[in-house]
All heavy atoms as atom14 arrays in JSON, in Angstrom:
{
  "sequence": "VYTVADFKNRQFQYMMSQIALEIERMTITLENL",
  "atom14_mask": [
    [1, 1, 1, 1, 1, 1, 1, 0, 0, 0, 0, 0, 0, 0],
    [1, 1, 1, 1, 1, 1, 1, 1, 1, 1, 1, 1, 0, 0],
    [1, 1, 1, 1, 1, 1, 1, 0, 0, 0, 0, 0, 0, 0],
    [1, 1, 1, 1, 1, 1, 1, 0, 0, 0, 0, 0, 0, 0],
    [1, 1, 1, 1, 1, 0, 0, 0, 0, 0, 0, 0, 0, 0],
    [1, 1, 1, 1, 1, 1, 1, 1, 0, 0, 0, 0, 0, 0],
    [1, 1, 1, 1, 1, 1, 1, 1, 1, 1, 1, 0, 0, 0],
    [1, 1, 1, 1, 1, 1, 1, 1, 1, 0, 0, 0, 0, 0],
    [1, 1, 1, 1, 1, 1, 1, 1, 0, 0, 0, 0, 0, 0],
    [1, 1, 1, 1, 1, 1, 1, 1, 1, 1, 1, 0, 0, 0],
    [1, 1, 1, 1, 1, 1, 1, 1, 1, 0, 0, 0, 0, 0],
    [1, 1, 1, 1, 1, 1, 1, 1, 1, 1, 1, 0, 0, 0],
    [1, 1, 1, 1, 1, 1, 1, 1, 1, 0, 0, 0, 0, 0],
    [1, 1, 1, 1, 1, 1, 1, 1, 1, 1, 1, 1, 0, 0],
    [1, 1, 1, 1, 1, 1, 1, 1, 0, 0, 0, 0, 0, 0],
    [1, 1, 1, 1, 1, 1, 1, 1, 0, 0, 0, 0, 0, 0],
    [1, 1, 1, 1, 1, 1, 0, 0, 0, 0, 0, 0, 0, 0],
    [1, 1, 1, 1, 1, 1, 1, 1, 1, 0, 0, 0, 0, 0],
    [1, 1, 1, 1, 1, 1, 1, 1, 0, 0, 0, 0, 0, 0],
    [1, 1, 1, 1, 1, 0, 0, 0, 0, 0, 0, 0, 0, 0],
    [1, 1, 1, 1, 1, 1, 1, 1, 0, 0, 0, 0, 0, 0],
    [1, 1, 1, 1, 1, 1, 1, 1, 1, 0, 0, 0, 0, 0],
    [1, 1, 1, 1, 1, 1, 1, 1, 0, 0, 0, 0, 0, 0],
    [1, 1, 1, 1, 1, 1, 1, 1, 1, 0, 0, 0, 0, 0],
    [1, 1, 1, 1, 1, 1, 1, 1, 1, 1, 1, 0, 0, 0],
    [1, 1, 1, 1, 1, 1, 1, 1, 0, 0, 0, 0, 0, 0],
    [1, 1, 1, 1, 1, 1, 1, 0, 0, 0, 0, 0, 0, 0],
    [1, 1, 1, 1, 1, 1, 1, 1, 0, 0, 0, 0, 0, 0],
    [1, 1, 1, 1, 1, 1, 1, 0, 0, 0, 0, 0, 0, 0],
    [1, 1, 1, 1, 1, 1, 1, 1, 0, 0, 0, 0, 0, 0],
    [1, 1, 1, 1, 1, 1, 1, 1, 1, 0, 0, 0, 0, 0],
    [1, 1, 1, 1, 1, 1, 1, 1, 0, 0, 0, 0, 0, 0],
    [1, 1, 1, 1, 1, 1, 1, 1, 0, 0, 0, 0, 0, 0]
  ],
  "atom14_positions": [
    [[0.83, -1.2, 0.01], [-0.03, 0.0, 0.04], [0.88, 1.22, 0.03], [1.52, 1.54, 1.06], [-0.89, 0.0, 1.2], [-1.8, 1.27, 1.21], [-1.82, -1.25, 1.17], [0.0, 0.0, 0.0], [0.0, 0.0, 0.0], [0.0, 0.0, 0.0], [0.0, 0.0, 0.0], [0.0, 0.0, 0.0], [0.0, 0.0, 0.0], [0.0, 0.0, 0.0]],
    [[1.03, 1.84, -1.2], [1.79, 3.1, -1.37], [0.96, 4.35, -1.36], [1.4, 5.44, -1.0], [2.77, 2.96, -2.49], [3.61, 1.75, -2.51], [3.44, 0.68, -3.3], [4.67, 1.71, -1.64], [4.21, -0.43, -3.2], [5.65, 0.62, -1.64], [5.3, -0.5, -2.38], [6.19, -1.56, -2.28], [0.0, 0.0, 0.0], [0.0, 0.0, 0.0]],
    [[-0.14, 4.28, -1.86], [-1.06, 5.37, -2.03], [-2.37, 4.98, -1.42], [-2.83, 3.87, -1.23], [-1.18, 5.69, -3.53], [-1.67, 4.75, -4.14], [0.25, 6.0, -4.02], [0.0, 0.0, 0.0], [0.0, 0.0, 0.0], [0.0, 0.0, 0.0], [0.0, 0.0, 0.0], [0.0, 0.0, 0.0], [0.0, 0.0, 0.0], [0.0, 0.0, 0.0]],
    [[-3.21, 6.17, -1.42], [-4.67, 5.89, -0.94], [-5.41, 5.05, -1.91], [-6.19, 4.21, -1.68], [-5.38, 7.35, -0.76], [-6.8, 7.1, -0.42], [-4.61, 8.09, 0.38], [0.0, 0.0, 0.0], [0.0, 0.0, 0.0], [0.0, 0.0, 0.0], [0.0, 0.0, 0.0], [0.0, 0.0, 0.0], [0.0, 0.0, 0.0], [0.0, 0.0, 0.0]],
    [[-5.12, 5.2, -3.24], [-5.67, 4.44, -4.32], [-5.39, 2.96, -4.23], [-6.31, 2.14, -4.39], [-5.29, 4.99, -5.75], [0.0, 0.0, 0.0], [0.0, 0.0, 0.0], [0.0, 0.0, 0.0], [0.0, 0.0, 0.0], [0.0, 0.0, 0.0], [0.0, 0.0, 0.0], [0.0, 0.0, 0.0], [0.0, 0.0, 0.0], [0.0, 0.0, 0.0]],
    [[-4.12, 2.66, -3.84], [-3.73, 1.29, -3.58], [-4.59, 0.59, -2.38], [-4.98, -0.51, -2.51], [-2.35, 1.05, -3.3], [-1.48, 1.5, -4.61], [-2.12, 1.39, -5.66], [-0.31, 1.72, -4.47], [0.0, 0.0, 0.0], [0.0, 0.0, 0.0], [0.0, 0.0, 0.0], [0.0, 0.0, 0.0], [0.0, 0.0, 0.0], [0.0, 0.0, 0.0]],
    [[-4.75, 1.52, -1.49], [-5.48, 0.95, -0.26], [-6.99, 0.71, -0.6], [-7.55, -0.18, -0.18], [-5.41, 1.95, 0.89], [-6.18, 1.52, 2.09], [-5.6, 0.65, 2.98], [-7.43, 1.97, 2.38], [-6.28, 0.24, 4.08], [-8.15, 1.7, 3.55], [-7.49, 0.67, 4.42], [0.0, 0.0, 0.0], [0.0, 0.0, 0.0], [0.0, 0.0, 0.0]],
    [[-7.55, 1.58, -1.5], [-8.83, 1.45, -1.97], [-8.98, 0.25, -2.86], [-10.13, -0.42, -2.88], [-9.35, 2.65, -2.59], [-9.55, 3.89, -1.62], [-10.15, 5.1, -2.39], [-10.35, 6.22, -1.45], [-10.85, 7.4, -2.22], [0.0, 0.0, 0.0], [0.0, 0.0, 0.0], [0.0, 0.0, 0.0], [0.0, 0.0, 0.0], [0.0, 0.0, 0.0]],
    [[-8.09, -0.14, -3.57], [-8.1, -1.33, -4.51], [-7.94, -2.6, -3.67], [-8.13, -3.64, -4.23], [-7.02, -1.16, -5.52], [-7.28, -0.13, -6.54], [-8.45, 0.19, -6.78], [-6.18, 0.45, -7.15], [0.0, 0.0, 0.0], [0.0, 0.0, 0.0], [0.0, 0.0, 0.0], [0.0, 0.0, 0.0], [0.0, 0.0, 0.0], [0.0, 0.0, 0.0]],
    [[-7.5, -2.42, -2.46], [-7.45, -3.62, -1.5], [-6.57, -4.78, -2.1], [-7.11, -5.73, -2.59], [-8.83, -4.11, -1.28], [-9.65, -3.17, -0.5], [-11.04, -3.84, -0.18], [-11.92, -2.93, 0.76], [-13.03, -3.23, 1.2], [-13.62, -4.46, 0.99], [-13.84, -2.3, 1.83], [0.0, 0.0, 0.0], [0.0, 0.0, 0.0], [0.0, 0.0, 0.0]],
    [[-5.28, -4.53, -2.0], [-4.37, -5.51, -2.38], [-4.3, -6.64, -1.25], [-3.84, -6.48, -0.21], [-2.96, -4.96, -2.66], [-3.02, -3.85, -3.73], [-3.2, -4.48, -5.11], [-2.83, -5.64, -5.34], [-3.82, -3.73, -5.93], [0.0, 0.0, 0.0], [0.0, 0.0, 0.0], [0.0, 0.0, 0.0], [0.0, 0.0, 0.0], [0.0, 0.0, 0.0]],
    [[-4.88, -7.71, -1.62], [-5.03, -8.91, -0.69], [-3.9, -9.95, -0.89], [-3.45, -10.14, -1.96], [-6.4, -9.37, -0.7], [-7.49, -8.62, -0.2], [-8.49, -8.13, -1.09], [-7.61, -8.12, 1.12], [-9.54, -7.3, -0.65], [-8.57, -7.45, 1.61], [-9.53, -6.95, 0.72], [0.0, 0.0, 0.0], [0.0, 0.0, 0.0], [0.0, 0.0, 0.0]],
    [[-3.69, -10.66, 0.17], [-3.14, -11.91, 0.09], [-4.2, -12.97, 0.57], [-4.91, -12.6, 1.47], [-1.79, -12.01, 1.08], [-0.67, -11.36, 0.47], [0.5, -11.83, 1.08], [0.55, -12.49, 2.14], [1.77, -11.33, 0.6], [0.0, 0.0, 0.0], [0.0, 0.0, 0.0], [0.0, 0.0, 0.0], [0.0, 0.0, 0.0], [0.0, 0.0, 0.0]],
    [[-4.15, -14.16, 0.0], [-5.3, -15.14, 0.2], [-4.67, -16.36, 0.96], [-3.61, -16.8, 0.64], [-5.97, -15.39, -1.04], [-6.6, -14.29, -1.71], [-5.91, -13.51, -2.65], [-7.99, -13.98, -1.44], [-6.57, -12.47, -3.34], [-8.57, -12.91, -2.12], [-7.89, -12.11, -3.01], [-8.52, -11.1, -3.63], [0.0, 0.0, 0.0], [0.0, 0.0, 0.0]],
    [[-5.49, -16.83, 1.91], [-5.14, -18.1, 2.64], [-6.21, -19.08, 2.45], [-7.38, -18.67, 2.64], [-4.81, -17.72, 4.09], [-4.24, -18.9, 4.86], [-3.72, -18.32, 6.48], [-5.32, -17.85, 7.12], [0.0, 0.0, 0.0], [0.0, 0.0, 0.0], [0.0, 0.0, 0.0], [0.0, 0.0, 0.0], [0.0, 0.0, 0.0], [0.0, 0.0, 0.0]],
    [[-5.96, -20.27, 2.33], [-6.78, -21.38, 2.18], [-7.54, -21.67, 3.49], [-6.87, -21.87, 4.56], [-6.17, -22.69, 1.59], [-7.0, -23.69, 0.98], [-6.0, -25.06, 0.15], [-7.18, -25.91, -0.56], [0.0, 0.0, 0.0], [0.0, 0.0, 0.0], [0.0, 0.0, 0.0], [0.0, 0.0, 0.0], [0.0, 0.0, 0.0], [0.0, 0.0, 0.0]],
    [[-8.81, -21.88, 3.51], [-9.57, -22.2, 4.8], [-9.39, -23.71, 5.02], [-9.06, -24.55, 4.22], [-11.02, -21.92, 4.66], [-11.72, -22.76, 3.66], [0.0, 0.0, 0.0], [0.0, 0.0, 0.0], [0.0, 0.0, 0.0], [0.0, 0.0, 0.0], [0.0, 0.0, 0.0], [0.0, 0.0, 0.0], [0.0, 0.0, 0.0], [0.0, 0.0, 0.0]],
    [[-9.59, -24.15, 6.31], [-9.43, -25.48, 6.71], [-10.4, -26.45, 5.93], [-9.97, -27.54, 5.61], [-9.63, -25.59, 8.31], [-9.19, -26.93, 8.77], [-7.72, -27.27, 8.67], [-6.89, -26.45, 8.56], [-7.47, -28.5, 8.44], [0.0, 0.0, 0.0], [0.0, 0.0, 0.0], [0.0, 0.0, 0.0], [0.0, 0.0, 0.0], [0.0, 0.0, 0.0]],
    [[-11.58, -26.05, 5.84], [-12.61, -26.82, 5.2], [-12.19, -27.03, 3.7], [-12.25, -28.2, 3.11], [-14.02, -26.3, 5.25], [-14.4, -26.2, 6.68], [-15.0, -27.01, 4.44], [-15.8, -25.57, 6.92], [0.0, 0.0, 0.0], [0.0, 0.0, 0.0], [0.0, 0.0, 0.0], [0.0, 0.0, 0.0], [0.0, 0.0, 0.0], [0.0, 0.0, 0.0]],
    [[-11.78, -25.94, 3.06], [-11.31, -26.11, 1.59], [-10.17, -27.06, 1.57], [-9.87, -27.67, 0.52], [-11.0, -24.73, 1.04], [0.0, 0.0, 0.0], [0.0, 0.0, 0.0], [0.0, 0.0, 0.0], [0.0, 0.0, 0.0], [0.0, 0.0, 0.0], [0.0, 0.0, 0.0], [0.0, 0.0, 0.0], [0.0, 0.0, 0.0], [0.0, 0.0, 0.0]],
    [[-9.27, -27.0, 2.58], [-8.0, -27.86, 2.58], [-8.44, -29.36, 2.56], [-7.94, -30.18, 1.82], [-7.18, -27.49, 3.61], [-5.84, -28.3, 3.82], [-4.94, -28.0, 2.63], [-5.17, -28.01, 5.26], [0.0, 0.0, 0.0], [0.0, 0.0, 0.0], [0.0, 0.0, 0.0], [0.0, 0.0, 0.0], [0.0, 0.0, 0.0], [0.0, 0.0, 0.0]],
    [[-9.48, -29.69, 3.35], [-9.93, -31.06, 3.47], [-10.63, -31.39, 2.14], [-10.49, -32.6, 1.72], [-10.83, -31.25, 4.71], [-10.17, -30.96, 5.99], [-9.11, -31.96, 6.28], [-9.23, -33.14, 5.71], [-8.16, -31.73, 7.03], [0.0, 0.0, 0.0], [0.0, 0.0, 0.0], [0.0, 0.0, 0.0], [0.0, 0.0, 0.0], [0.0, 0.0, 0.0]],
    [[-11.41, -30.5, 1.59], [-12.13, -30.91, 0.34], [-11.06, -31.17, -0.74], [-11.25, -32.04, -1.54], [-13.04, -29.62, -0.05], [-14.14, -29.63, 0.97], [-13.55, -29.91, -1.43], [-15.0, -28.43, 0.74], [0.0, 0.0, 0.0], [0.0, 0.0, 0.0], [0.0, 0.0, 0.0], [0.0, 0.0, 0.0], [0.0, 0.0, 0.0], [0.0, 0.0, 0.0]],
    [[-10.04, -30.23, -0.87], [-9.03, -30.54, -1.96], [-8.32, -31.78, -1.72], [-7.86, -32.5, -2.65], [-8.18, -29.31, -2.02], [-7.28, -29.27, -3.19], [-8.14, -29.13, -4.52], [-9.22, -28.54, -4.45], [-7.57, -29.44, -5.57], [0.0, 0.0, 0.0], [0.0, 0.0, 0.0], [0.0, 0.0, 0.0], [0.0, 0.0, 0.0], [0.0, 0.0, 0.0]],
    [[-7.92, -32.06, -0.47], [-7.37, -33.34, -0.07], [-8.21, -34.54, -0.54], [-7.72, -35.49, -0.95], [-7.05, -33.33, 1.35], [-6.14, -34.69, 1.87], [-5.84, -34.67, 3.33], [-4.92, -33.6, 3.59], [-5.15, -32.53, 4.44], [-6.28, -32.43, 5.02], [-4.2, -31.63, 4.65], [0.0, 0.0, 0.0], [0.0, 0.0, 0.0], [0.0, 0.0, 0.0]],
    [[-9.47, -34.35, -0.38], [-10.45, -35.44, -0.8], [-10.42, -35.66, -2.33], [-10.39, -36.76, -2.81], [-11.88, -35.1, -0.32], [-12.9, -36.15, -0.72], [-14.6, -35.43, -0.5], [-14.62, -34.14, -1.82], [0.0, 0.0, 0.0], [0.0, 0.0, 0.0], [0.0, 0.0, 0.0], [0.0, 0.0, 0.0], [0.0, 0.0, 0.0], [0.0, 0.0, 0.0]],
    [[-10.35, -34.48, -3.03], [-10.39, -34.6, -4.53], [-9.06, -35.3, -5.0], [-9.15, -36.2, -5.95], [-10.43, -33.23, -5.08], [-9.39, -32.49, -4.67], [-11.71, -32.47, -4.85], [0.0, 0.0, 0.0], [0.0, 0.0, 0.0], [0.0, 0.0, 0.0], [0.0, 0.0, 0.0], [0.0, 0.0, 0.0], [0.0, 0.0, 0.0], [0.0, 0.0, 0.0]],
    [[-7.97, -35.05, -4.35], [-6.74, -35.75, -4.68], [-6.76, -37.32, -4.36], [-6.38, -38.1, -5.18], [-5.51, -35.19, -3.94], [-5.29, -33.79, -4.46], [-4.28, -35.97, -4.17], [-4.19, -32.98, -3.81], [0.0, 0.0, 0.0], [0.0, 0.0, 0.0], [0.0, 0.0, 0.0], [0.0, 0.0, 0.0], [0.0, 0.0, 0.0], [0.0, 0.0, 0.0]],
    [[-7.51, -37.65, -3.28], [-7.69, -39.05, -2.99], [-8.54, -39.69, -4.01], [-8.31, -40.82, -4.41], [-8.54, -39.05, -1.56], [-7.56, -38.54, -0.61], [-8.51, -40.55, -1.23], [0.0, 0.0, 0.0], [0.0, 0.0, 0.0], [0.0, 0.0, 0.0], [0.0, 0.0, 0.0], [0.0, 0.0, 0.0], [0.0, 0.0, 0.0], [0.0, 0.0, 0.0]],
    [[-9.7, -38.96, -4.46], [-10.57, -39.56, -5.43], [-9.82, -39.62, -6.8], [-10.01, -40.71, -7.57], [-11.75, -38.58, -5.67], [-12.65, -38.6, -4.51], [-13.8, -37.61, -4.78], [-13.25, -39.93, -4.14], [0.0, 0.0, 0.0], [0.0, 0.0, 0.0], [0.0, 0.0, 0.0], [0.0, 0.0, 0.0], [0.0, 0.0, 0.0], [0.0, 0.0, 0.0]],
    [[-8.9, -38.77, -7.13], [-8.08, -38.86, -8.4], [-7.27, -40.08, -8.45], [-7.03, -40.71, -9.49], [-7.45, -37.57, -8.57], [-8.22, -36.42, -8.98], [-7.44, -35.07, -8.87], [-6.26, -35.19, -8.67], [-8.15, -34.03, -8.94], [0.0, 0.0, 0.0], [0.0, 0.0, 0.0], [0.0, 0.0, 0.0], [0.0, 0.0, 0.0], [0.0, 0.0, 0.0]],
    [[-6.69, -40.36, -7.24], [-5.75, -41.4, -7.21], [-6.35, -42.75, -6.76], [-5.66, -43.66, -6.35], [-4.48, -41.09, -6.3], [-3.78, -39.88, -6.76], [-3.68, -39.67, -7.92], [-3.38, -39.02, -5.78], [0.0, 0.0, 0.0], [0.0, 0.0, 0.0], [0.0, 0.0, 0.0], [0.0, 0.0, 0.0], [0.0, 0.0, 0.0], [0.0, 0.0, 0.0]],
    [[-7.68, -42.76, -6.69], [-8.27, -43.99, -6.2], [-7.98, -45.27, -7.02], [-7.8, -46.34, -6.56], [-9.81, -43.73, -6.0], [-10.58, -44.75, -5.24], [-10.02, -44.82, -3.76], [-12.06, -44.52, -5.27], [0.0, 0.0, 0.0], [0.0, 0.0, 0.0], [0.0, 0.0, 0.0], [0.0, 0.0, 0.0], [0.0, 0.0, 0.0], [0.0, 0.0, 0.0]]
  ]
}
């Protein structure tokens, strides 16, 4: 965030939720079944 415009554009970093982690782990299990 260098300017007010950058702050308004909301430069985010994203983190995976725990439920999504388990769902993605399940999809890998199904792919390799």
